[in-house]
N, C-alpha and C. Protein backbone atom coordinates (compact mmCIF):
# COMPACT_ATOMS: atom_id res chain seq x y z
N SER A 1 42.87 -67.96 0.09
CA SER A 1 43.45 -67.28 1.30
C SER A 1 44.31 -68.17 1.80
N ALA A 2 45.29 -67.20 2.36
CA ALA A 2 46.37 -66.83 3.89
C ALA A 2 45.45 -66.47 4.83
N HIS A 3 44.90 -66.94 5.32
CA HIS A 3 44.57 -66.67 7.34
C HIS A 3 45.44 -67.15 8.98
N ALA A 4 45.28 -66.24 9.24
CA ALA A 4 46.12 -65.89 10.30
C ALA A 4 45.55 -66.81 11.67
N ALA A 5 43.93 -66.49 11.56
CA ALA A 5 43.20 -67.84 12.11
C ALA A 5 41.65 -67.06 12.10
N VAL A 6 40.73 -68.34 11.69
CA VAL A 6 39.85 -68.11 11.12
C VAL A 6 38.78 -67.79 12.72
N VAL A 7 37.95 -67.79 13.09
CA VAL A 7 37.72 -67.53 14.47
C VAL A 7 36.58 -67.69 13.82
N PHE A 8 35.28 -68.56 15.31
CA PHE A 8 34.86 -68.82 14.72
C PHE A 8 33.10 -68.85 16.55
N THR A 9 32.38 -67.65 16.79
CA THR A 9 32.58 -67.34 17.64
C THR A 9 30.47 -67.48 17.32
N THR A 10 29.38 -69.19 18.41
CA THR A 10 28.76 -68.96 18.43
C THR A 10 27.87 -68.94 19.38
N ALA A 11 27.08 -68.80 19.66
CA ALA A 11 25.87 -68.77 20.68
C ALA A 11 24.22 -69.66 20.50
N ILE A 12 23.80 -69.77 21.36
CA ILE A 12 22.49 -70.39 21.05
C ILE A 12 21.29 -70.10 21.89
N HIS A 13 20.23 -70.15 21.95
CA HIS A 13 18.79 -69.75 22.83
C HIS A 13 18.25 -70.65 23.03
N THR A 14 17.73 -71.33 24.01
CA THR A 14 16.64 -72.48 23.69
C THR A 14 15.82 -71.73 24.96
N ALA A 15 14.56 -72.36 24.80
CA ALA A 15 13.42 -72.41 25.65
C ALA A 15 13.11 -73.26 26.48
N VAL A 16 13.18 -73.60 27.67
CA VAL A 16 12.86 -74.19 28.59
C VAL A 16 10.97 -74.96 28.71
N ASP A 17 10.44 -74.82 27.95
CA ASP A 17 9.15 -74.78 27.02
C ASP A 17 8.84 -73.96 26.07
N SER A 18 9.52 -74.82 25.28
CA SER A 18 9.30 -74.31 23.99
C SER A 18 7.95 -73.93 22.99
N SER A 19 7.03 -74.54 24.44
CA SER A 19 5.76 -74.00 23.51
C SER A 19 4.93 -72.30 23.86
N VAL A 20 5.91 -71.77 24.76
CA VAL A 20 5.29 -70.88 25.57
C VAL A 20 5.78 -69.69 25.44
N ASN A 21 7.37 -70.28 24.79
CA ASN A 21 8.39 -68.65 24.53
C ASN A 21 9.05 -68.38 23.02
N THR A 22 9.50 -67.31 22.81
CA THR A 22 9.69 -67.23 21.46
C THR A 22 11.43 -66.78 20.81
N ASP A 23 11.20 -68.29 21.73
CA ASP A 23 13.42 -68.59 21.48
C ASP A 23 14.07 -68.09 19.79
N GLU A 24 12.43 -68.20 19.13
CA GLU A 24 13.35 -68.14 17.67
C GLU A 24 13.51 -66.52 17.22
N LEU A 25 13.58 -65.57 17.95
CA LEU A 25 13.29 -63.97 18.22
C LEU A 25 14.53 -64.03 18.21
N ALA A 26 15.27 -64.59 19.18
CA ALA A 26 16.87 -64.80 20.36
C ALA A 26 17.47 -63.09 19.96
N TYR A 27 17.91 -63.67 17.67
CA TYR A 27 18.45 -62.72 17.54
C TYR A 27 18.12 -61.97 16.36
N SER A 28 17.03 -61.36 16.35
CA SER A 28 16.24 -60.56 15.00
C SER A 28 16.70 -59.54 15.65
N GLY A 29 17.39 -58.91 16.44
CA GLY A 29 18.17 -57.57 16.02
C GLY A 29 19.31 -57.49 16.09
N ASP A 30 20.03 -59.20 15.31
CA ASP A 30 21.59 -58.66 15.00
C ASP A 30 21.19 -58.91 13.00
N VAL A 31 19.99 -59.07 12.78
CA VAL A 31 19.97 -59.47 11.33
C VAL A 31 19.94 -57.71 10.11
N SER A 32 20.72 -58.18 9.62
CA SER A 32 21.76 -56.37 8.78
C SER A 32 20.50 -56.74 7.52
N SER A 33 19.75 -55.28 7.14
CA SER A 33 19.63 -54.89 5.84
C SER A 33 20.75 -54.45 4.99
N SER A 34 22.09 -54.28 5.42
CA SER A 34 22.64 -53.15 4.83
C SER A 34 24.21 -54.41 4.45
N ASP A 35 24.62 -55.41 5.17
CA ASP A 35 25.41 -55.76 4.13
C ASP A 35 24.75 -56.37 3.27
N LEU A 36 27.01 -56.76 2.76
CA LEU A 36 27.13 -57.48 0.80
C LEU A 36 25.80 -58.25 0.10
N LEU A 37 25.38 -59.15 0.53
CA LEU A 37 24.55 -59.77 -0.27
C LEU A 37 23.11 -59.59 -0.55
N HIS A 38 22.55 -58.04 0.38
CA HIS A 38 21.35 -57.90 0.76
C HIS A 38 20.59 -56.58 -0.87
N GLY A 39 20.06 -57.08 -0.68
CA GLY A 39 19.01 -57.28 -2.12
C GLY A 39 20.19 -57.78 -3.67
N ILE A 40 20.33 -58.87 -2.69
CA ILE A 40 21.16 -59.46 -4.00
C ILE A 40 19.99 -61.06 -4.80
N VAL A 41 19.95 -61.18 -6.15
CA VAL A 41 19.03 -62.53 -6.03
C VAL A 41 19.99 -63.31 -6.32
N GLY A 42 19.14 -64.45 -5.01
CA GLY A 42 20.69 -65.85 -5.10
C GLY A 42 20.61 -66.23 -6.43
N VAL A 43 22.16 -67.50 -6.59
CA VAL A 43 20.63 -68.56 -7.67
C VAL A 43 21.12 -70.37 -7.07
N THR A 44 19.95 -70.97 -7.65
CA THR A 44 20.23 -71.35 -6.11
C THR A 44 20.48 -73.04 -7.08
N GLY A 45 21.33 -73.38 -6.15
CA GLY A 45 21.16 -75.37 -7.16
C GLY A 45 21.48 -76.30 -6.34
N GLY A 46 20.63 -77.44 -7.18
CA GLY A 46 20.55 -78.76 -5.91
C GLY A 46 18.78 -79.36 -5.26
N ALA A 47 19.15 -79.74 -4.17
CA ALA A 47 18.21 -78.72 -3.14
C ALA A 47 16.80 -78.67 -3.65
N ALA A 48 15.69 -78.20 -3.06
CA ALA A 48 14.54 -77.82 -3.13
C ALA A 48 15.03 -76.26 -2.11
N PHE A 49 14.41 -75.34 -2.42
CA PHE A 49 15.00 -74.11 -1.70
C PHE A 49 13.35 -74.34 -0.65
N GLY A 50 13.07 -74.24 0.81
CA GLY A 50 11.90 -73.42 1.01
C GLY A 50 10.39 -74.55 0.93
N ALA A 51 9.59 -73.88 1.67
CA ALA A 51 7.78 -74.44 1.70
C ALA A 51 7.52 -74.17 3.00
N ASN A 52 5.49 -73.55 2.77
CA ASN A 52 5.26 -73.02 3.72
C ASN A 52 5.17 -71.65 4.08
N GLY A 53 5.44 -70.78 2.85
CA GLY A 53 6.26 -69.67 2.61
C GLY A 53 7.88 -69.53 2.90
N ALA A 54 8.62 -70.23 3.72
CA ALA A 54 9.91 -69.75 3.44
C ALA A 54 11.14 -69.76 2.10
N THR A 55 11.61 -69.29 1.08
CA THR A 55 11.86 -69.11 -0.03
C THR A 55 13.76 -68.99 -0.17
N PRO A 56 14.31 -69.36 -0.78
CA PRO A 56 15.20 -68.92 -1.23
C PRO A 56 16.29 -67.05 -0.27
N ALA A 57 15.32 -66.52 -1.14
CA ALA A 57 14.97 -64.42 -0.42
C ALA A 57 15.22 -64.78 0.99
N GLY A 58 14.86 -65.22 1.50
CA GLY A 58 15.22 -65.18 3.25
C GLY A 58 15.85 -65.01 3.75
N LEU A 59 17.73 -66.05 2.94
CA LEU A 59 18.25 -65.80 3.62
C LEU A 59 18.80 -64.68 3.37
N ASN A 60 18.33 -63.67 2.65
CA ASN A 60 19.41 -62.62 2.48
C ASN A 60 18.24 -61.19 2.48
N ASP A 61 16.62 -61.18 2.81
CA ASP A 61 16.25 -60.25 2.65
C ASP A 61 16.16 -59.62 4.08
N GLY A 62 17.00 -59.18 4.74
CA GLY A 62 17.19 -58.65 6.38
C GLY A 62 15.87 -58.39 7.12
N VAL A 63 15.34 -59.71 6.85
CA VAL A 63 13.81 -59.99 7.81
C VAL A 63 14.41 -61.55 9.37
N ASN A 64 13.94 -62.07 9.80
CA ASN A 64 14.79 -62.68 10.55
C ASN A 64 12.88 -63.53 11.00
N GLY A 65 12.59 -63.58 10.19
CA GLY A 65 10.37 -64.18 10.65
C GLY A 65 10.19 -63.74 11.75
N GLY A 66 9.09 -64.51 11.56
CA GLY A 66 8.28 -65.13 13.59
C GLY A 66 8.65 -66.57 14.33
N ASP A 67 7.70 -66.57 15.28
CA ASP A 67 7.59 -66.73 15.81
C ASP A 67 7.06 -68.39 15.85
N TYR A 68 7.04 -69.14 16.07
CA TYR A 68 5.63 -70.57 15.50
C TYR A 68 4.67 -70.81 17.06
N ASN A 69 5.26 -69.98 17.76
CA ASN A 69 3.32 -70.02 18.75
C ASN A 69 2.97 -68.83 18.83
N GLU A 70 3.88 -68.28 17.87
CA GLU A 70 2.41 -67.00 17.55
C GLU A 70 1.80 -66.69 16.11
N VAL A 71 2.50 -67.59 15.36
CA VAL A 71 1.92 -67.63 14.40
C VAL A 71 1.81 -68.21 13.30
N GLY A 72 2.50 -70.04 13.94
CA GLY A 72 1.66 -70.66 13.42
C GLY A 72 3.14 -70.96 12.44
N LEU A 73 2.62 -72.19 11.15
CA LEU A 73 3.63 -71.90 9.94
C LEU A 73 3.69 -70.03 8.92
N SER A 74 3.47 -69.74 8.90
CA SER A 74 3.46 -67.75 8.65
C SER A 74 5.08 -67.83 9.54
N ALA A 75 5.64 -68.27 10.80
CA ALA A 75 6.58 -68.00 10.82
C ALA A 75 8.08 -68.12 9.92
N LEU A 76 8.22 -68.57 8.72
CA LEU A 76 8.35 -69.50 8.09
C LEU A 76 8.86 -68.00 6.55
N VAL A 77 7.54 -67.57 6.84
CA VAL A 77 7.39 -66.11 6.12
C VAL A 77 8.38 -64.74 7.04
N GLY A 78 9.92 -65.18 5.56
CA GLY A 78 11.44 -64.03 5.86
C GLY A 78 12.01 -64.71 6.46
N ALA A 79 11.89 -66.41 6.17
CA ALA A 79 12.93 -67.53 7.11
C ALA A 79 13.61 -68.08 5.20
N ALA A 80 14.59 -69.10 5.23
CA ALA A 80 14.82 -70.13 3.66
C ALA A 80 14.98 -71.25 4.21
N TRP A 81 14.47 -72.84 4.51
CA TRP A 81 15.02 -73.78 4.73
C TRP A 81 15.42 -74.91 3.41
N PRO A 82 16.07 -74.51 3.32
CA PRO A 82 17.22 -75.20 1.93
C PRO A 82 17.56 -76.91 2.64
N MET A 83 16.94 -77.12 1.76
CA MET A 83 17.26 -79.10 1.34
C MET A 83 18.67 -79.32 2.22
N THR A 84 18.93 -80.25 2.34
CA THR A 84 20.40 -80.98 1.42
C THR A 84 20.68 -81.80 0.69
N THR A 85 20.82 -81.28 0.05
CA THR A 85 22.25 -80.99 -0.56
C THR A 85 22.11 -79.30 -1.35
N SER A 86 21.36 -78.15 -0.34
CA SER A 86 20.98 -77.19 -1.54
C SER A 86 22.59 -76.33 -1.17
N THR A 87 22.70 -75.35 -2.58
CA THR A 87 23.69 -74.38 -3.22
C THR A 87 23.09 -72.78 -2.98
N ILE A 88 23.60 -72.17 -3.05
CA ILE A 88 23.34 -70.55 -2.73
C ILE A 88 24.46 -69.90 -3.35
N GLU A 89 24.40 -69.57 -5.34
CA GLU A 89 25.26 -68.18 -5.20
C GLU A 89 24.38 -66.79 -5.23
N TYR A 90 25.88 -66.46 -5.23
CA TYR A 90 25.56 -64.68 -4.44
C TYR A 90 26.69 -64.08 -5.98
N ASP A 91 26.66 -63.28 -6.72
CA ASP A 91 27.79 -62.56 -6.91
C ASP A 91 27.19 -60.54 -6.85
N LEU A 92 28.16 -60.15 -5.68
CA LEU A 92 29.01 -59.47 -5.53
C LEU A 92 29.12 -58.12 -6.21
N GLY A 93 29.69 -59.17 -7.64
CA GLY A 93 30.26 -57.90 -8.62
C GLY A 93 32.03 -57.43 -8.50
N VAL A 94 32.01 -56.10 -9.03
CA VAL A 94 34.11 -55.12 -8.93
C VAL A 94 33.88 -54.70 -7.58
N GLY A 95 32.44 -54.42 -7.26
CA GLY A 95 32.75 -53.41 -6.13
C GLY A 95 33.75 -51.99 -7.02
N THR A 96 34.49 -51.74 -6.64
CA THR A 96 35.16 -50.11 -6.95
C THR A 96 36.29 -50.99 -8.66
N GLY A 97 36.40 -52.34 -8.50
CA GLY A 97 37.14 -52.38 -10.06
C GLY A 97 38.78 -53.77 -9.80
N ASP A 98 38.39 -53.55 -8.70
CA ASP A 98 39.14 -54.85 -7.25
C ASP A 98 38.62 -56.50 -6.30
N GLY A 99 36.80 -56.69 -6.77
CA GLY A 99 36.49 -56.78 -6.47
C GLY A 99 36.00 -56.53 -4.98
N TYR A 100 35.98 -57.49 -3.38
CA TYR A 100 35.02 -57.47 -2.35
C TYR A 100 36.01 -58.60 -1.11
N ASP A 101 36.68 -57.37 -0.12
CA ASP A 101 37.50 -58.15 1.17
C ASP A 101 36.29 -58.34 1.69
N ILE A 102 36.15 -59.90 1.95
CA ILE A 102 35.44 -60.21 3.24
C ILE A 102 35.30 -60.25 4.58
N THR A 103 34.97 -59.16 5.65
CA THR A 103 35.50 -58.95 6.39
C THR A 103 34.71 -60.30 8.09
N GLU A 104 33.27 -60.64 7.65
CA GLU A 104 32.52 -61.52 8.57
C GLU A 104 30.98 -62.15 7.73
N ILE A 105 30.79 -62.87 8.52
CA ILE A 105 30.29 -63.95 8.08
C ILE A 105 28.77 -64.60 9.20
N GLN A 106 28.03 -63.97 9.19
CA GLN A 106 26.47 -64.68 10.22
C GLN A 106 25.66 -65.36 9.75
N SER A 107 24.87 -66.29 10.62
CA SER A 107 24.21 -67.04 10.10
C SER A 107 24.17 -67.31 11.56
N ILE A 108 22.16 -67.17 10.86
CA ILE A 108 21.09 -67.28 12.01
C ILE A 108 20.46 -68.34 12.17
N ALA A 109 20.05 -69.62 12.69
CA ALA A 109 18.98 -70.27 12.57
C ALA A 109 17.98 -70.38 13.49
N ALA A 110 16.96 -70.89 13.02
CA ALA A 110 15.65 -70.95 14.91
C ALA A 110 14.56 -71.00 14.19
N TRP A 111 14.64 -72.51 14.86
CA TRP A 111 12.62 -73.52 14.88
C TRP A 111 12.44 -74.48 16.00
N GLN A 112 11.08 -74.32 15.83
CA GLN A 112 10.80 -74.18 18.00
C GLN A 112 11.01 -76.04 17.81
N ASP A 113 11.37 -76.78 16.65
CA ASP A 113 11.74 -78.80 17.75
C ASP A 113 12.61 -78.80 16.00
N ALA A 114 12.69 -80.23 16.60
CA ALA A 114 13.58 -81.04 15.83
C ALA A 114 14.53 -81.21 14.94
N GLY A 115 15.05 -80.31 15.43
CA GLY A 115 16.67 -79.72 15.31
C GLY A 115 16.61 -79.23 14.21
N PHE A 116 15.97 -77.99 13.63
CA PHE A 116 15.84 -76.96 13.00
C PHE A 116 16.69 -75.97 12.83
N MET A 117 17.02 -75.82 13.31
CA MET A 117 17.91 -75.12 14.92
C MET A 117 19.95 -75.11 14.38
N ASN A 118 19.89 -76.05 14.12
CA ASN A 118 21.34 -76.77 14.06
C ASN A 118 21.94 -75.25 12.24
N GLN A 119 22.98 -75.95 12.45
CA GLN A 119 23.66 -74.74 11.86
C GLN A 119 24.97 -76.67 11.15
N ASN A 120 25.08 -76.43 9.50
CA ASN A 120 26.20 -76.69 9.30
C ASN A 120 26.24 -76.81 7.04
N TYR A 121 27.33 -76.06 6.92
CA TYR A 121 27.58 -75.55 6.08
C TYR A 121 28.96 -75.23 4.92
N ASN A 122 29.15 -75.07 3.95
CA ASN A 122 30.49 -74.19 3.98
C ASN A 122 30.80 -73.37 2.75
N VAL A 123 31.44 -72.61 2.55
CA VAL A 123 31.43 -71.71 2.16
C VAL A 123 32.09 -71.51 1.35
N PHE A 124 32.09 -71.43 -0.05
CA PHE A 124 33.24 -70.81 -1.58
C PHE A 124 33.02 -69.53 -2.22
N VAL A 125 34.35 -69.54 -2.42
CA VAL A 125 34.07 -68.26 -2.82
C VAL A 125 34.94 -68.48 -4.27
N LYS A 126 34.25 -67.22 -5.53
CA LYS A 126 34.64 -66.96 -6.65
C LYS A 126 35.53 -65.76 -5.97
N TYR A 127 37.39 -66.02 -6.88
CA TYR A 127 38.22 -64.82 -6.89
C TYR A 127 37.72 -63.54 -8.78
N LEU A 128 37.93 -62.76 -7.83
CA LEU A 128 37.76 -61.58 -8.96
C LEU A 128 38.59 -62.55 -10.78
N GLY A 129 38.01 -62.34 -11.91
CA GLY A 129 38.40 -63.21 -12.78
C GLY A 129 37.90 -64.46 -13.17
N GLU A 130 38.24 -64.98 -12.06
CA GLU A 130 38.21 -66.36 -12.45
C GLU A 130 36.83 -67.29 -12.61
N ILE A 131 36.72 -67.76 -13.48
CA ILE A 131 35.45 -68.80 -14.17
C ILE A 131 34.36 -69.41 -13.04
N ASP A 132 35.04 -70.64 -12.75
CA ASP A 132 34.90 -70.89 -11.06
C ASP A 132 35.18 -70.28 -9.71
N PHE A 133 34.47 -71.44 -8.91
CA PHE A 133 34.70 -70.35 -7.33
C PHE A 133 35.55 -71.84 -7.03
N ASP A 134 36.42 -71.08 -6.97
CA ASP A 134 37.63 -71.75 -5.66
C ASP A 134 36.94 -73.38 -4.77
N PRO A 135 37.74 -74.66 -4.94
CA PRO A 135 37.24 -76.01 -4.86
C PRO A 135 37.21 -75.97 -3.51
N THR A 136 37.69 -75.86 -2.85
CA THR A 136 39.11 -74.85 -1.43
C THR A 136 37.31 -74.61 -0.47
N ALA A 137 37.07 -75.14 -0.29
CA ALA A 137 35.77 -73.65 1.04
C ALA A 137 36.78 -73.18 1.88
N LEU A 138 36.20 -71.75 1.52
CA LEU A 138 36.78 -70.82 2.01
C LEU A 138 36.74 -70.98 3.64
N THR A 139 35.70 -71.96 3.88
CA THR A 139 35.33 -72.45 5.87
C THR A 139 34.15 -72.78 5.41
N THR A 140 34.46 -73.22 7.08
CA THR A 140 33.00 -75.07 6.91
C THR A 140 32.66 -74.24 8.48
N VAL A 141 30.85 -73.86 8.23
CA VAL A 141 30.28 -74.33 9.52
C VAL A 141 29.75 -75.17 10.45
N THR A 142 30.40 -75.81 10.89
CA THR A 142 29.77 -76.52 12.10
C THR A 142 29.14 -76.37 13.49
N TYR A 143 27.61 -76.11 13.28
CA TYR A 143 27.58 -75.56 14.81
C TYR A 143 25.88 -76.92 15.53
N GLN A 144 25.90 -77.50 15.93
CA GLN A 144 24.68 -78.51 16.55
C GLN A 144 25.04 -78.88 17.00
N PRO A 145 24.30 -77.83 18.46
CA PRO A 145 25.05 -78.06 20.14
C PRO A 145 23.24 -78.98 19.98
N SER A 146 23.00 -79.55 19.40
CA SER A 146 21.68 -80.89 20.38
C SER A 146 20.47 -80.68 20.63
N PRO A 147 20.01 -79.53 21.11
CA PRO A 147 18.90 -79.00 21.78
C PRO A 147 18.08 -79.26 20.05
N SER A 148 16.31 -79.49 20.34
CA SER A 148 15.60 -79.37 19.53
C SER A 148 15.12 -78.43 19.60
N ASN A 149 15.34 -77.48 19.76
CA ASN A 149 14.37 -76.07 19.04
C ASN A 149 14.80 -75.03 19.83
N GLY A 150 14.84 -73.43 19.74
CA GLY A 150 15.79 -72.20 19.97
C GLY A 150 16.46 -71.83 18.90
N SER A 151 17.22 -70.85 19.27
CA SER A 151 18.07 -70.36 17.98
C SER A 151 19.20 -70.41 17.92
N THR A 152 19.82 -70.70 16.86
CA THR A 152 21.60 -70.31 17.77
C THR A 152 21.96 -69.27 16.05
N LYS A 153 23.06 -68.67 15.93
CA LYS A 153 23.69 -67.53 15.57
C LYS A 153 25.12 -68.04 15.82
N VAL A 154 26.26 -67.86 14.62
CA VAL A 154 27.68 -68.03 14.35
C VAL A 154 27.65 -66.84 13.39
N ASN A 155 28.49 -67.07 13.91
CA ASN A 155 29.91 -64.87 12.90
C ASN A 155 30.71 -65.68 13.02
N VAL A 156 31.87 -65.88 12.04
CA VAL A 156 33.25 -66.24 11.49
C VAL A 156 33.71 -64.93 11.15
N THR A 157 35.19 -64.45 11.47
CA THR A 157 35.86 -63.30 11.01
C THR A 157 37.48 -64.48 11.10
N ASP A 158 38.34 -63.26 10.36
CA ASP A 158 39.34 -63.26 10.68
C ASP A 158 40.11 -62.91 11.29
N GLY A 159 41.66 -63.61 12.27
CA GLY A 159 42.52 -63.10 12.89
C GLY A 159 42.71 -61.76 12.47
N THR A 160 43.60 -61.57 10.95
CA THR A 160 44.09 -60.71 9.36
C THR A 160 42.66 -58.98 9.77
N GLY A 161 41.17 -60.12 10.50
CA GLY A 161 40.47 -59.15 9.71
C GLY A 161 39.84 -59.03 8.75
N VAL A 162 40.45 -60.05 7.85
CA VAL A 162 39.64 -60.41 6.13
C VAL A 162 40.15 -61.57 5.81
N LEU A 163 38.69 -62.12 5.32
CA LEU A 163 38.71 -63.94 5.61
C LEU A 163 38.80 -63.96 4.32
N ALA A 164 39.16 -62.59 3.72
CA ALA A 164 39.26 -63.57 1.93
C ALA A 164 39.18 -62.12 1.33
N SER A 165 39.88 -61.67 -0.22
CA SER A 165 40.66 -60.38 -0.57
C SER A 165 40.51 -60.69 -2.18
N GLY A 166 39.93 -59.56 -2.79
CA GLY A 166 39.01 -59.74 -4.62
C GLY A 166 37.84 -60.64 -4.68
N ILE A 167 37.26 -60.80 -3.56
CA ILE A 167 35.68 -61.71 -4.33
C ILE A 167 35.05 -60.86 -5.40
N GLU A 168 34.64 -62.00 -6.34
CA GLU A 168 33.88 -61.33 -7.16
C GLU A 168 31.97 -62.11 -6.18
N ALA A 169 32.73 -63.51 -5.75
CA ALA A 169 30.95 -64.49 -5.74
C ALA A 169 31.77 -65.45 -4.72
N ILE A 170 29.94 -65.29 -3.96
CA ILE A 170 29.87 -66.59 -3.19
C ILE A 170 28.66 -67.10 -2.47
N LYS A 171 29.26 -68.71 -3.06
CA LYS A 171 28.05 -69.57 -2.52
C LYS A 171 28.21 -70.57 -0.97
N PHE A 172 26.96 -70.81 -1.08
CA PHE A 172 26.78 -71.99 0.22
C PHE A 172 26.17 -73.15 -0.08
N GLU A 173 26.43 -73.84 0.39
CA GLU A 173 26.83 -75.37 -0.14
C GLU A 173 25.25 -75.81 1.35
N PHE A 174 24.84 -76.01 1.89
CA PHE A 174 24.26 -77.21 3.40
C PHE A 174 23.73 -78.63 2.83
N LEU A 175 25.06 -78.56 4.38
CA LEU A 175 24.98 -79.70 5.03
C LEU A 175 23.61 -80.83 5.40
N VAL A 176 24.22 -82.05 5.53
CA VAL A 176 23.55 -82.57 6.32
C VAL A 176 23.65 -82.35 7.93
N THR A 177 22.69 -82.06 8.94
CA THR A 177 23.09 -81.56 10.09
C THR A 177 22.70 -83.07 11.61
N ASP A 178 22.86 -82.94 12.17
CA ASP A 178 23.32 -84.17 13.11
C ASP A 178 21.25 -84.16 12.90
N GLY A 179 20.46 -85.15 12.72
CA GLY A 179 19.16 -85.34 14.05
C GLY A 179 18.71 -85.37 12.05
N ASN A 180 18.86 -84.50 11.60
CA ASN A 180 17.41 -83.77 10.61
C ASN A 180 18.30 -83.81 9.35
N SER A 181 17.87 -85.09 8.43
CA SER A 181 18.35 -84.65 6.88
C SER A 181 17.86 -83.86 6.20
N ALA A 182 15.88 -83.50 6.97
CA ALA A 182 15.31 -82.98 5.45
C ALA A 182 15.90 -80.77 6.18
N GLY A 183 17.41 -80.56 6.80
CA GLY A 183 17.99 -78.88 6.42
C GLY A 183 17.37 -78.55 7.49
N SER A 184 17.29 -77.22 7.85
CA SER A 184 17.73 -76.45 8.44
C SER A 184 17.39 -74.99 8.61
N ILE A 185 16.57 -74.42 9.23
CA ILE A 185 15.38 -73.27 9.15
C ILE A 185 16.53 -72.36 9.42
N TYR A 186 16.96 -71.42 8.27
CA TYR A 186 17.95 -69.89 8.21
C TYR A 186 16.55 -68.96 8.16
N ARG A 187 17.15 -68.04 9.33
CA ARG A 187 16.57 -66.94 9.04
C ARG A 187 16.96 -65.93 8.95
N GLU A 188 18.18 -65.71 8.48
CA GLU A 188 19.36 -64.82 7.75
C GLU A 188 20.87 -65.59 7.13
N ILE A 189 21.60 -65.16 6.28
CA ILE A 189 23.41 -64.82 6.36
C ILE A 189 23.66 -63.64 5.43
N ASP A 190 24.19 -63.29 7.27
CA ASP A 190 25.21 -61.62 6.71
C ASP A 190 26.29 -61.91 5.82
N VAL A 191 26.87 -60.64 5.31
CA VAL A 191 28.14 -61.14 4.57
C VAL A 191 28.20 -59.75 4.58
N GLU A 192 29.26 -59.03 6.09
CA GLU A 192 30.53 -58.19 5.58
C GLU A 192 31.14 -57.72 5.49
N GLY A 193 32.12 -56.89 4.69
CA GLY A 193 32.86 -55.87 4.06
C GLY A 193 33.29 -54.69 3.47
N THR A 194 34.31 -55.20 2.41
CA THR A 194 34.48 -53.83 1.99
C THR A 194 35.32 -53.99 0.15
N ALA A 195 35.08 -53.14 -0.83
CA ALA A 195 35.14 -52.95 -2.16
C ALA A 195 36.72 -53.30 -1.63
N THR A 196 37.37 -54.37 -2.15
CA THR A 196 38.94 -54.51 -2.10
C THR A 196 39.83 -52.71 -2.36
N VAL A 197 40.90 -52.87 -1.84
CA VAL A 197 41.92 -51.38 -2.32
C VAL A 197 42.72 -52.10 -2.49
N VAL A 198 43.27 -51.84 -4.31
CA VAL A 198 44.61 -52.33 -3.96
C VAL A 198 45.75 -51.56 -3.82
N PRO A 199 47.17 -51.46 -2.91
CA PRO A 199 47.73 -50.38 -3.15
C PRO A 199 48.99 -50.09 -4.37
N GLU A 200 48.64 -48.98 -4.28
CA GLU A 200 49.24 -48.23 -5.49
C GLU A 200 51.11 -48.85 -6.03
N PRO A 201 51.17 -48.57 -7.52
CA PRO A 201 52.86 -49.35 -7.33
C PRO A 201 53.68 -48.83 -6.49
N THR A 202 53.88 -47.17 -5.79
CA THR A 202 54.74 -47.21 -4.57
C THR A 202 54.23 -47.05 -3.09
N THR A 203 52.74 -47.26 -2.92
CA THR A 203 52.53 -48.08 -1.88
C THR A 203 53.57 -49.05 -1.55
N THR A 204 53.28 -50.55 -2.96
CA THR A 204 53.65 -51.70 -2.56
C THR A 204 54.47 -51.71 -2.37
N ALA A 205 55.81 -50.52 -3.53
CA ALA A 205 56.88 -50.25 -2.89
C ALA A 205 57.70 -50.26 -1.75
N LEU A 206 56.75 -49.73 -1.18
CA LEU A 206 57.23 -48.98 0.55
C LEU A 206 57.23 -50.80 1.02
N LEU A 207 55.96 -51.94 0.99
CA LEU A 207 55.73 -52.13 1.51
C LEU A 207 56.94 -53.04 1.72
N GLY A 208 57.46 -53.27 1.03
CA GLY A 208 59.10 -54.77 -0.04
C GLY A 208 58.07 -55.76 -0.08
N LEU A 209 59.53 -56.73 -0.35
CA LEU A 209 59.25 -58.32 -1.39
C LEU A 209 58.04 -58.57 -0.32
N GLY A 210 58.34 -58.30 1.10
CA GLY A 210 57.80 -59.39 2.17
C GLY A 210 55.93 -58.95 1.81
N GLY A 211 55.59 -57.10 1.77
CA GLY A 211 54.65 -56.89 2.17
C GLY A 211 53.84 -57.05 1.02
N LEU A 212 54.67 -57.76 -0.61
CA LEU A 212 53.45 -57.66 -1.26
C LEU A 212 53.64 -59.20 -1.70
N ALA A 213 54.54 -59.91 -1.40
CA ALA A 213 53.23 -61.40 -0.59
C ALA A 213 52.48 -61.56 -0.59
N LEU A 214 52.30 -60.94 0.78
CA LEU A 214 51.70 -61.33 1.53
C LEU A 214 50.15 -60.76 1.12
N ILE A 215 50.28 -59.52 0.22
CA ILE A 215 48.83 -59.31 -0.13
C ILE A 215 48.79 -59.96 -2.21
N LEU A 216 49.45 -60.65 -1.97
CA LEU A 216 49.07 -61.13 -3.75
C LEU A 216 49.22 -63.19 -2.92
N ARG A 217 49.60 -63.27 -1.64
CA ARG A 217 48.79 -64.89 -1.35
C ARG A 217 47.27 -64.68 -0.25
N ARG A 218 47.39 -63.67 0.20
CA ARG A 218 45.63 -62.84 0.65
C ARG A 218 44.71 -62.67 -0.66
N ARG A 219 44.61 -62.35 -1.88
CA ARG A 219 44.71 -62.26 -3.20
C ARG A 219 43.64 -63.37 -3.56
N LYS A 220 44.66 -64.91 -3.77
CA LYS A 220 44.71 -65.99 -4.19
C LYS A 220 44.71 -67.36 -3.55
């Protein structure tokens, strides 16, 4: 896809004393239960996903999970623990017939120690009608601010308003993070977007060749 500029917005919340602060709940209010991924069962690959109650479903269930200081390892219920290098794919479908426009990706990670709140992953997309995912990553999220405890949030957008158009599936590949080869504790990944709308021929004619070229370039 052609992009004006991919924009990364990051946030971090850490506790002075992680043994008494509920820093793992810092972004729980930002978790979405109405994004494009919600309700879809992802197809996993690579290394293992989850332990102690964490499951792949924790990535897109609209639940942040709890705080270790309050409930111990039960805090992983509602979260996902992808070991590196795990992958998960989501089939979005065709929308109204032309796939989906991806407008934003949000990821939240949080844990009380060991750097499990760092984020490092690739995003791949499959365009409508294609057999395989585009081998070139749509974007790579790398936000590893080093503190060993707390919550991080990353929002990925594009200067044009659309990260990719005509998408029928999206895949996340989780990579090794700084100081911890065991992965990260992701509370949620949300993908926002709308069904792709292809202009009618008369509209395309009004756009001219330049406008048509831009649409085609953003489709693939």
